[in-house]
Amino acid sequence: MTSTTRNIDELVEVWPVRITSNEGASVSYPQQAPCAADDLEVRNLSDHEWRVGDRRCHERSPAKVLGYIEKCASNFEVLNLKDPRQVFIFDHFEAAVASFASAVSL
């Protein structure tokens, strides 16, 4: 069996993302407006895992996936792809989902 290793430069060329820091900690989708709570879509992956997406984006677009929620014991761990080096923990599922919505200024 042969394995192939790709470096970060190859991955950046494949996916339409832009690295926004020198450390590569966050990516952004320049043409995507912030996601409001009404635009969130939650897909069940298993009995303890969910994918959170932006319903405005096409299903095959990498911008569709905002992150993941996993139930661990009595908490919900959030991996937000805008900040992939941090995991956020919430007591309630609704709060975990709401963490993906951008604050809208009036």
Protein backbone atom coordinates (compact mmCIF):
# COMPACT_ATOMS: atom_id res chain seq x y z
CA MET A 1 0.00 0.00 0.00
CA THR A 2 1.32 3.41 -0.95
CA SER A 3 0.69 6.56 1.02
CA THR A 4 0.85 10.08 -0.33
CA THR A 5 1.75 13.11 1.74
CA ARG A 6 0.66 16.61 0.73
CA ASN A 7 2.10 19.80 2.07
CA ILE A 8 -0.03 22.80 3.04
CA ASP A 9 0.66 24.58 -0.27
CA GLU A 10 -1.00 21.77 -2.21
CA LEU A 11 -4.05 21.85 0.08
CA VAL A 12 -4.46 25.60 -0.28
CA GLU A 13 -4.46 25.22 -4.07
CA VAL A 14 -7.12 22.50 -3.96
CA TRP A 15 -9.59 24.23 -1.63
CA PRO A 16 -10.82 27.78 -2.36
CA VAL A 17 -9.73 29.25 0.96
CA ARG A 18 -7.42 32.04 1.98
CA ILE A 19 -5.06 31.79 4.95
CA THR A 20 -5.60 34.92 7.06
CA SER A 21 -2.71 34.60 9.47
CA ASN A 22 0.92 33.62 9.21
CA GLU A 23 0.32 30.66 11.51
CA GLY A 24 -2.49 29.22 9.39
CA ALA A 25 -4.84 29.20 12.38
CA SER A 26 -7.85 30.48 10.50
CA VAL A 27 -9.26 30.47 7.02
CA SER A 28 -11.88 32.69 5.47
CA TYR A 29 -14.20 32.59 2.51
CA PRO A 30 -13.97 36.11 1.09
CA GLN A 31 -17.30 36.04 -0.77
CA GLN A 32 -19.34 34.66 2.13
CA ALA A 33 -21.36 36.97 4.35
CA PRO A 34 -21.51 36.17 8.09
CA CYS A 35 -23.97 33.43 8.98
CA ALA A 36 -27.11 34.46 10.88
CA ALA A 37 -28.92 32.04 13.20
CA ASP A 38 -31.68 31.50 10.61
CA ASP A 39 -29.07 30.36 8.07
CA LEU A 40 -27.69 27.56 10.25
CA GLU A 41 -28.31 23.97 9.22
CA VAL A 42 -27.61 21.05 11.58
CA ARG A 43 -27.05 17.58 10.14
CA ASN A 44 -27.00 14.47 12.32
CA LEU A 45 -23.82 12.43 11.66
CA SER A 46 -24.32 9.89 14.46
CA ASP A 47 -26.10 9.64 17.79
CA HIS A 48 -23.48 11.97 19.33
CA GLU A 49 -22.09 14.04 16.41
CA TRP A 50 -23.51 16.82 14.26
CA ARG A 51 -22.29 18.94 11.35
CA VAL A 52 -23.25 22.62 11.36
CA GLY A 53 -23.51 24.30 7.98
CA ASP A 54 -24.62 27.44 6.21
CA ARG A 55 -27.86 26.63 4.36
CA ARG A 56 -27.17 29.46 1.88
CA CYS A 57 -24.21 27.56 0.42
CA HIS A 58 -24.31 24.76 -2.14
CA GLU A 59 -24.01 21.29 -0.62
CA ARG A 60 -20.65 20.63 -2.33
CA SER A 61 -19.10 23.97 -1.43
CA PRO A 62 -16.38 23.86 1.25
CA ALA A 63 -17.89 27.07 2.62
CA LYS A 64 -21.03 25.09 3.55
CA VAL A 65 -19.42 23.40 6.57
CA LEU A 66 -18.98 25.75 9.54
CA GLY A 67 -17.94 23.11 12.05
CA TYR A 68 -18.89 20.14 14.18
CA ILE A 69 -20.54 19.40 17.52
CA GLU A 70 -19.81 16.29 19.57
CA LYS A 71 -21.58 15.20 22.73
CA CYS A 72 -19.03 14.21 25.37
CA ALA A 73 -20.53 13.05 28.66
CA SER A 74 -22.98 15.81 29.62
CA ASN A 75 -21.29 18.55 27.54
CA PHE A 76 -21.21 19.52 23.88
CA GLU A 77 -17.82 20.20 22.30
CA VAL A 78 -17.72 22.60 19.34
CA LEU A 79 -15.06 22.64 16.67
CA ASN A 80 -15.61 25.83 14.67
CA LEU A 81 -13.62 25.72 11.43
CA LYS A 82 -13.02 29.48 11.67
CA ASP A 83 -10.92 28.75 14.76
CA PRO A 84 -9.84 25.10 14.37
CA ARG A 85 -7.17 25.15 17.07
CA GLN A 86 -9.70 25.69 19.85
CA VAL A 87 -12.52 23.51 21.12
CA PHE A 88 -15.39 25.24 22.87
CA ILE A 89 -17.54 23.43 25.47
CA PHE A 90 -21.22 24.15 26.14
CA ASP A 91 -23.74 22.75 28.62
CA HIS A 92 -26.64 22.77 26.14
CA PHE A 93 -26.96 21.67 22.52
CA GLU A 94 -28.82 24.87 21.56
CA ALA A 95 -25.98 27.03 22.90
CA ALA A 96 -23.44 24.96 20.95
CA VAL A 97 -25.41 25.49 17.71
CA ALA A 98 -25.91 29.20 18.42
CA SER A 99 -22.14 29.67 18.79
CA PHE A 100 -21.84 29.35 14.99
CA ALA A 101 -24.11 32.34 14.32
CA SER A 102 -22.45 35.70 13.76
CA ALA A 103 -23.57 38.64 15.80
CA VAL A 104 -25.61 41.01 13.64
CA SER A 105 -25.14 44.69 14.35
CA LEU A 106 -28.22 46.89 14.01
